[in-house]
Amino acid sequence: MAAFHLTTALFLLLLLFPHSSLADHDYGDALRKCILFFEGQRSGKLPPSQRLSWRRDSALRDGSLAG
């Protein structure tokens, strides 16, 4: 009897969360944007392959006065 109740509960949960709503997320696009964000947050001497044209080298002498 417990197995029947468990099966019924799982079936009802599957009805509440249809599979099509899970497929609406584009995780590839989210990952690309996340990596681009972190590339924009870099400082120091940037590589020539820097994709953000507005971002330049920064903080090259940071801490040099401290010794």
C-alpha atoms as a PDB file:
ATOM      1  CA  MET A   1       0.000   0.000   0.000  1.00  0.00           C
ATOM      2  CA  ALA A   2       2.870   2.385   0.768  1.00  0.00           C
ATOM      3  CA  ALA A   3       4.340   1.746  -2.678  1.00  0.00           C
ATOM      4  CA  PHE A   4       1.030   2.742  -4.270  1.00  0.00           C
ATOM      5  CA  HIS A   5       0.966   6.044  -2.352  1.00  0.00           C
ATOM      6  CA  LEU A   6       4.582   6.744  -3.266  1.00  0.00           C
ATOM      7  CA  THR A   7       3.919   6.013  -6.933  1.00  0.00           C
ATOM      8  CA  THR A   8       0.838   8.224  -6.920  1.00  0.00           C
ATOM      9  CA  ALA A   9       2.731  11.070  -5.249  1.00  0.00           C
ATOM     10  CA  LEU A  10       5.563  10.848  -7.797  1.00  0.00           C
ATOM     11  CA  PHE A  11       3.073  10.814 -10.660  1.00  0.00           C
ATOM     12  CA  LEU A  12       1.335  13.923  -9.324  1.00  0.00           C
ATOM     13  CA  LEU A  13       4.673  15.706  -8.927  1.00  0.00           C
ATOM     14  CA  LEU A  14       5.522  14.935 -12.548  1.00  0.00           C
ATOM     15  CA  LEU A  15       2.213  16.461 -13.604  1.00  0.00           C
ATOM     16  CA  LEU A  16       2.976  19.638 -11.659  1.00  0.00           C
ATOM     17  CA  PHE A  17       6.398  20.091 -13.297  1.00  0.00           C
ATOM     18  CA  PRO A  18       6.113  19.435 -17.025  1.00  0.00           C
ATOM     19  CA  HIS A  19       9.315  18.632 -18.896  1.00  0.00           C
ATOM     20  CA  SER A  20       8.865  21.492 -21.361  1.00  0.00           C
ATOM     21  CA  SER A  21       9.346  24.107 -18.642  1.00  0.00           C
ATOM     22  CA  LEU A  22      12.708  22.569 -17.753  1.00  0.00           C
ATOM     23  CA  ALA A  23      13.969  22.837 -21.332  1.00  0.00           C
ATOM     24  CA  ASP A  24      13.363  26.599 -21.641  1.00  0.00           C
ATOM     25  CA  HIS A  25      16.735  27.526 -20.103  1.00  0.00           C
ATOM     26  CA  ASP A  26      19.702  28.110 -22.413  1.00  0.00           C
ATOM     27  CA  TYR A  27      22.577  27.093 -20.177  1.00  0.00           C
ATOM     28  CA  GLY A  28      25.103  27.487 -23.005  1.00  0.00           C
ATOM     29  CA  ASP A  29      24.200  31.158 -23.398  1.00  0.00           C
ATOM     30  CA  ALA A  30      24.341  31.679 -19.632  1.00  0.00           C
ATOM     31  CA  LEU A  31      27.804  30.101 -19.498  1.00  0.00           C
ATOM     32  CA  ARG A  32      29.086  32.271 -22.375  1.00  0.00           C
ATOM     33  CA  LYS A  33      27.835  35.426 -20.637  1.00  0.00           C
ATOM     34  CA  CYS A  34      29.326  34.327 -17.323  1.00  0.00           C
ATOM     35  CA  ILE A  35      32.757  33.741 -18.863  1.00  0.00           C
ATOM     36  CA  LEU A  36      32.582  37.088 -20.675  1.00  0.00           C
ATOM     37  CA  PHE A  37      31.724  38.809 -17.385  1.00  0.00           C
ATOM     38  CA  PHE A  38      34.735  37.265 -15.650  1.00  0.00           C
ATOM     39  CA  GLU A  39      36.993  38.236 -18.570  1.00  0.00           C
ATOM     40  CA  GLY A  40      35.844  41.830 -18.074  1.00  0.00           C
ATOM     41  CA  GLN A  41      36.729  41.704 -14.380  1.00  0.00           C
ATOM     42  CA  ARG A  42      40.398  40.871 -14.963  1.00  0.00           C
ATOM     43  CA  SER A  43      43.124  43.377 -14.187  1.00  0.00           C
ATOM     44  CA  GLY A  44      46.831  43.534 -14.864  1.00  0.00           C
ATOM     45  CA  LYS A  45      48.447  42.898 -18.232  1.00  0.00           C
ATOM     46  CA  LEU A  46      45.684  41.518 -20.433  1.00  0.00           C
ATOM     47  CA  PRO A  47      46.321  39.045 -23.244  1.00  0.00           C
ATOM     48  CA  PRO A  48      45.939  40.088 -26.905  1.00  0.00           C
ATOM     49  CA  SER A  49      42.924  37.778 -27.117  1.00  0.00           C
ATOM     50  CA  GLN A  50      40.897  40.033 -24.778  1.00  0.00           C
ATOM     51  CA  ARG A  51      37.352  40.045 -26.209  1.00  0.00           C
ATOM     52  CA  LEU A  52      36.174  43.260 -24.565  1.00  0.00           C
ATOM     53  CA  SER A  53      37.496  46.122 -26.688  1.00  0.00           C
ATOM     54  CA  TRP A  54      36.858  48.749 -24.006  1.00  0.00           C
ATOM     55  CA  ARG A  55      38.906  46.894 -21.363  1.00  0.00           C
ATOM     56  CA  ARG A  56      42.623  47.746 -21.212  1.00  0.00           C
ATOM     57  CA  ASP A  57      45.549  46.880 -18.949  1.00  0.00           C
ATOM     58  CA  SER A  58      45.023  48.164 -15.425  1.00  0.00           C
ATOM     59  CA  ALA A  59      46.700  48.204 -12.012  1.00  0.00           C
ATOM     60  CA  LEU A  60      50.121  47.461 -13.509  1.00  0.00           C
ATOM     61  CA  ARG A  61      51.942  49.323 -10.716  1.00  0.00           C
ATOM     62  CA  ASP A  62      49.504  48.516  -7.929  1.00  0.00           C
ATOM     63  CA  GLY A  63      51.410  48.074  -4.662  1.00  0.00           C
ATOM     64  CA  SER A  64      54.748  49.292  -6.048  1.00  0.00           C
ATOM     65  CA  LEU A  65      54.966  52.076  -3.447  1.00  0.00           C
ATOM     66  CA  ALA A  66      54.673  49.558  -0.616  1.00  0.00           C
ATOM     67  CA  GLY A  67      58.056  48.100  -1.462  1.00  0.00           C
END
